[in-house]
Amino acid sequence: MLGLLHTSPVHVPVFDALRDTDHPGLALRHHVDEGLLDRARRAGPDVGAVRAVLERAAAEGAHAVLCTCSTLGGVAESLATDVGVPVLRVDRPMAAAAVAVGPAVAVVASVASTLGPTVALVEEEAGRAGRRVDVRAVLVEDAWERFAAGDREGYLRLVTAAVERVGADGADVVVLAQASMADAATRADVPVPVLASPRPGLRAAAAVCGFPCPDPGTA
């Protein structure tokens, strides 16, 4: 069984659908705490609260926990030893894939608190791969307010427009910093790859739980 830490309930059906397509039979248990992101945006990550969610997931039988919030991913990952099960951040496989494409990486986010952790992750993966990267961080103004108000289509329109701008402005690859942005990867009309985190992130977590991975070419 895989536990998932979300900061929005909209991610639950997304990961359920990916599980059904790519990893049938893998049991998922979702833990949603919207307050974790709210507090992180105001005052930084609440490490104790993140640890409490991870410990609850482990106590309920999770073989691993996948954190789907990019703002909290680094903190969650660092707590694996404390909770006694592997803890993965959903965006790490995406970051590794991005640095393999080319050095000019555009990171697009709708929450400012996500930009720093995602840029740092891309740079970390570049270091591990022995590659040079030039990361450009782009905040999509007013998009998060649309998301918070339940206007998902308006949110995705703003994100898609931002992706198209940076994708046509010298980037080798565009990274969508938040799982909520994933649909913009297929909507944007750009000449470069646009990478989203949910599918590769779930694939990595499923592998830790002993489930076979689909052909990466289907992602």
Protein backbone atom coordinates (compact mmCIF):
# COMPACT_ATOMS: atom_id res chain seq x y z
CA MET A 1 0.00 0.00 0.00
CA LEU A 2 1.20 3.48 -0.90
CA GLY A 3 0.33 6.49 1.21
CA LEU A 4 0.03 9.89 -0.46
CA LEU A 5 0.35 13.26 1.23
CA HIS A 6 -1.69 15.93 -0.59
CA THR A 7 -2.36 19.56 0.18
CA SER A 8 -5.45 19.67 -2.04
CA PRO A 9 -8.26 17.13 -2.52
CA VAL A 10 -8.17 17.69 -6.30
CA HIS A 11 -5.13 15.41 -6.50
CA VAL A 12 -6.97 12.35 -5.19
CA PRO A 13 -8.84 11.46 -8.42
CA VAL A 14 -5.76 12.29 -10.51
CA PHE A 15 -3.58 9.76 -8.74
CA ASP A 16 -6.38 7.21 -8.53
CA ALA A 17 -6.77 7.41 -12.31
CA LEU A 18 -3.03 7.05 -12.90
CA ARG A 19 -2.97 4.06 -10.58
CA ASP A 20 -5.84 2.42 -12.44
CA THR A 21 -4.06 2.93 -15.77
CA ASP A 22 -0.45 2.20 -14.85
CA HIS A 23 -0.42 0.19 -11.63
CA PRO A 24 -3.69 -1.73 -11.19
CA GLY A 25 -3.81 -3.50 -7.87
CA LEU A 26 -1.68 -0.95 -6.02
CA ALA A 27 -3.59 0.20 -2.96
CA LEU A 28 -3.52 3.95 -2.34
CA ARG A 29 -4.40 5.72 0.88
CA HIS A 30 -4.74 9.48 0.56
CA HIS A 31 -3.95 11.93 3.35
CA VAL A 32 -5.18 15.45 2.54
CA ASP A 33 -4.16 18.42 4.69
CA GLU A 34 -4.77 21.75 2.97
CA GLY A 35 -3.53 23.64 6.01
CA LEU A 36 0.02 22.42 5.47
CA LEU A 37 0.42 24.47 2.31
CA ASP A 38 -1.40 27.47 3.75
CA ARG A 39 1.01 27.56 6.69
CA ALA A 40 4.03 26.96 4.46
CA ARG A 41 3.10 29.91 2.27
CA ARG A 42 2.79 32.18 5.32
CA ALA A 43 5.66 31.05 7.53
CA GLY A 44 7.53 28.16 5.92
CA PRO A 45 6.93 24.42 6.22
CA ASP A 46 5.57 23.10 9.53
CA VAL A 47 7.98 20.18 9.94
CA GLY A 48 6.17 18.73 12.93
CA ALA A 49 2.84 18.70 11.15
CA VAL A 50 4.35 17.08 8.06
CA ARG A 51 6.01 14.45 10.24
CA ALA A 52 2.68 13.72 11.95
CA VAL A 53 0.97 13.00 8.62
CA LEU A 54 3.82 10.76 7.48
CA GLU A 55 3.82 8.87 10.77
CA ARG A 56 0.08 8.32 10.51
CA ALA A 57 0.48 6.95 7.00
CA ALA A 58 3.21 4.57 8.14
CA ALA A 59 1.16 3.46 11.15
CA GLU A 60 -1.74 2.64 8.82
CA GLY A 61 0.44 0.26 6.85
CA ALA A 62 1.96 2.30 4.03
CA HIS A 63 5.06 0.69 2.54
CA ALA A 64 6.08 4.13 1.25
CA VAL A 65 4.65 7.66 1.17
CA LEU A 66 4.56 9.96 -1.85
CA CYS A 67 4.38 13.69 -1.13
CA THR A 68 2.56 15.40 -4.01
CA CYS A 69 3.15 18.95 -2.76
CA SER A 70 6.31 20.46 -4.25
CA THR A 71 6.57 23.10 -1.53
CA LEU A 72 6.77 20.38 1.14
CA GLY A 73 8.52 17.66 -0.87
CA GLY A 74 12.03 18.31 0.40
CA VAL A 75 10.89 18.41 4.03
CA ALA A 76 8.86 15.24 3.62
CA GLU A 77 11.74 13.42 1.94
CA SER A 78 14.10 14.38 4.76
CA LEU A 79 11.81 12.76 7.35
CA ALA A 80 11.98 9.24 5.94
CA THR A 81 14.36 8.03 8.66
CA ASP A 82 12.08 9.44 11.35
CA VAL A 83 8.96 7.67 10.07
CA GLY A 84 10.61 4.37 9.13
CA VAL A 85 9.36 4.02 5.54
CA PRO A 86 10.60 5.49 2.25
CA VAL A 87 9.25 8.97 1.58
CA LEU A 88 9.40 10.24 -2.00
CA ARG A 89 8.74 13.64 -3.49
CA VAL A 90 6.59 13.54 -6.59
CA ASP A 91 8.74 15.97 -8.56
CA ARG A 92 12.16 14.31 -8.28
CA PRO A 93 11.77 12.00 -11.33
CA MET A 94 10.52 14.97 -13.34
CA ALA A 95 13.54 17.05 -12.34
CA ALA A 96 15.90 14.24 -13.31
CA ALA A 97 14.21 13.97 -16.70
CA ALA A 98 14.42 17.74 -17.23
CA VAL A 99 18.18 17.99 -16.76
CA ALA A 100 18.65 15.19 -19.28
CA VAL A 101 16.92 17.27 -21.97
CA GLY A 102 19.13 20.34 -21.96
CA PRO A 103 20.71 23.08 -19.85
CA ALA A 104 18.03 25.78 -20.24
CA VAL A 105 15.30 24.73 -17.80
CA ALA A 106 12.23 26.89 -17.19
CA VAL A 107 10.41 26.18 -13.92
CA VAL A 108 6.81 27.42 -13.93
CA ALA A 109 4.83 27.69 -10.69
CA SER A 110 1.65 29.34 -9.48
CA VAL A 111 2.72 29.45 -5.82
CA ALA A 112 5.83 31.44 -4.93
CA SER A 113 6.77 29.06 -2.11
CA THR A 114 7.17 26.28 -4.68
CA LEU A 115 9.75 28.01 -6.87
CA GLY A 116 12.71 27.81 -4.48
CA PRO A 117 12.34 24.10 -3.67
CA THR A 118 11.78 23.14 -7.30
CA VAL A 119 14.71 25.16 -8.64
CA ALA A 120 16.91 23.66 -5.93
CA LEU A 121 15.74 20.17 -6.86
CA VAL A 122 16.53 20.70 -10.55
CA GLU A 123 19.99 21.96 -9.63
CA GLU A 124 20.50 19.00 -7.28
CA GLU A 125 19.57 16.52 -10.00
CA ALA A 126 21.87 18.33 -12.45
CA GLY A 127 24.72 17.95 -9.98
CA ARG A 128 24.00 14.26 -9.55
CA ALA A 129 24.04 13.83 -13.33
CA GLY A 130 27.16 15.92 -13.80
CA ARG A 131 25.32 18.39 -16.01
CA ARG A 132 25.23 22.17 -16.14
CA VAL A 133 21.85 23.89 -15.98
CA ASP A 134 20.59 27.44 -16.22
CA VAL A 135 17.26 27.50 -14.40
CA ARG A 136 14.73 30.25 -15.03
CA ALA A 137 11.95 30.56 -12.44
CA VAL A 138 8.56 31.85 -13.62
CA LEU A 139 5.66 32.68 -11.30
CA VAL A 140 2.23 32.73 -12.96
CA GLU A 141 0.59 35.79 -11.46
CA ASP A 142 -3.02 35.46 -10.27
CA ALA A 143 -3.22 31.77 -11.19
CA TRP A 144 -3.30 30.38 -7.65
CA GLU A 145 -6.21 32.64 -6.76
CA ARG A 146 -8.17 31.04 -9.59
CA PHE A 147 -7.29 27.57 -8.33
CA ALA A 148 -8.23 28.42 -4.74
CA ALA A 149 -11.58 29.77 -5.95
CA GLY A 150 -12.33 26.51 -7.76
CA ASP A 151 -11.85 27.96 -11.24
CA ARG A 152 -9.72 25.11 -12.59
CA GLU A 153 -10.19 26.06 -16.24
CA GLY A 154 -9.17 29.65 -15.60
CA TYR A 155 -6.18 28.41 -13.66
CA LEU A 156 -5.05 26.13 -16.46
CA ARG A 157 -5.52 28.84 -19.07
CA LEU A 158 -3.13 31.14 -17.21
CA VAL A 159 -0.61 28.34 -16.65
CA THR A 160 -0.79 27.23 -20.28
CA ALA A 161 -0.25 30.77 -21.53
CA ALA A 162 2.81 31.13 -19.29
CA VAL A 163 4.21 27.82 -20.53
CA GLU A 164 3.77 28.91 -24.13
CA ARG A 165 5.60 32.17 -23.46
CA VAL A 166 8.64 30.58 -21.81
CA GLY A 167 8.62 27.63 -24.19
CA ALA A 168 9.07 30.00 -27.09
CA ASP A 169 11.74 32.04 -25.34
CA GLY A 170 14.84 29.84 -25.46
CA ALA A 171 14.03 27.11 -22.95
CA ASP A 172 15.13 23.56 -23.72
CA VAL A 173 12.47 22.14 -21.41
CA VAL A 174 9.63 23.46 -19.25
CA VAL A 175 9.02 22.01 -15.79
CA LEU A 176 5.58 22.34 -14.22
CA ALA A 177 6.42 22.81 -10.57
CA GLN A 178 3.04 21.71 -9.15
CA ALA A 179 0.98 18.60 -9.71
CA SER A 180 -2.10 20.79 -10.17
CA MET A 181 -0.55 22.12 -13.39
CA ALA A 182 -0.20 18.74 -15.10
CA ASP A 183 -2.92 19.23 -17.71
CA ALA A 184 -1.07 22.25 -19.09
CA ALA A 185 1.60 19.87 -20.38
CA THR A 186 -0.76 18.62 -23.08
CA ARG A 187 -2.57 21.90 -23.68
CA ALA A 188 0.47 24.06 -24.36
CA ASP A 189 1.56 24.46 -27.97
CA VAL A 190 5.35 24.73 -27.63
CA PRO A 191 8.35 23.33 -29.53
CA VAL A 192 10.00 21.92 -26.39
CA PRO A 193 9.08 19.20 -23.87
CA VAL A 194 6.76 20.21 -21.03
CA LEU A 195 7.16 17.93 -18.03
CA ALA A 196 4.61 17.24 -15.28
CA SER A 197 5.20 15.32 -12.08
CA PRO A 198 2.22 13.03 -11.29
CA ARG A 199 2.85 10.07 -13.60
CA PRO A 200 6.65 9.72 -13.17
CA GLY A 201 6.31 10.44 -9.46
CA LEU A 202 3.72 7.72 -8.98
CA ARG A 203 5.78 5.35 -11.11
CA ALA A 204 8.78 5.78 -8.80
CA ALA A 205 6.69 5.29 -5.68
CA ALA A 206 4.95 2.22 -7.12
CA ALA A 207 8.34 0.68 -7.86
CA VAL A 208 9.34 1.12 -4.21
CA CYS A 209 6.14 -0.73 -3.27
CA GLY A 210 7.09 -3.62 -5.57
CA PHE A 211 4.79 -2.86 -8.51
CA PRO A 212 6.18 -3.12 -12.05
CA CYS A 213 6.66 0.11 -13.93
CA PRO A 214 5.03 0.69 -17.31
CA ASP A 215 7.12 1.55 -20.33
CA PRO A 216 8.33 5.16 -19.69
CA GLY A 217 7.45 5.89 -23.29
CA THR A 218 3.77 5.73 -22.32
CA ALA A 219 4.13 8.51 -19.74
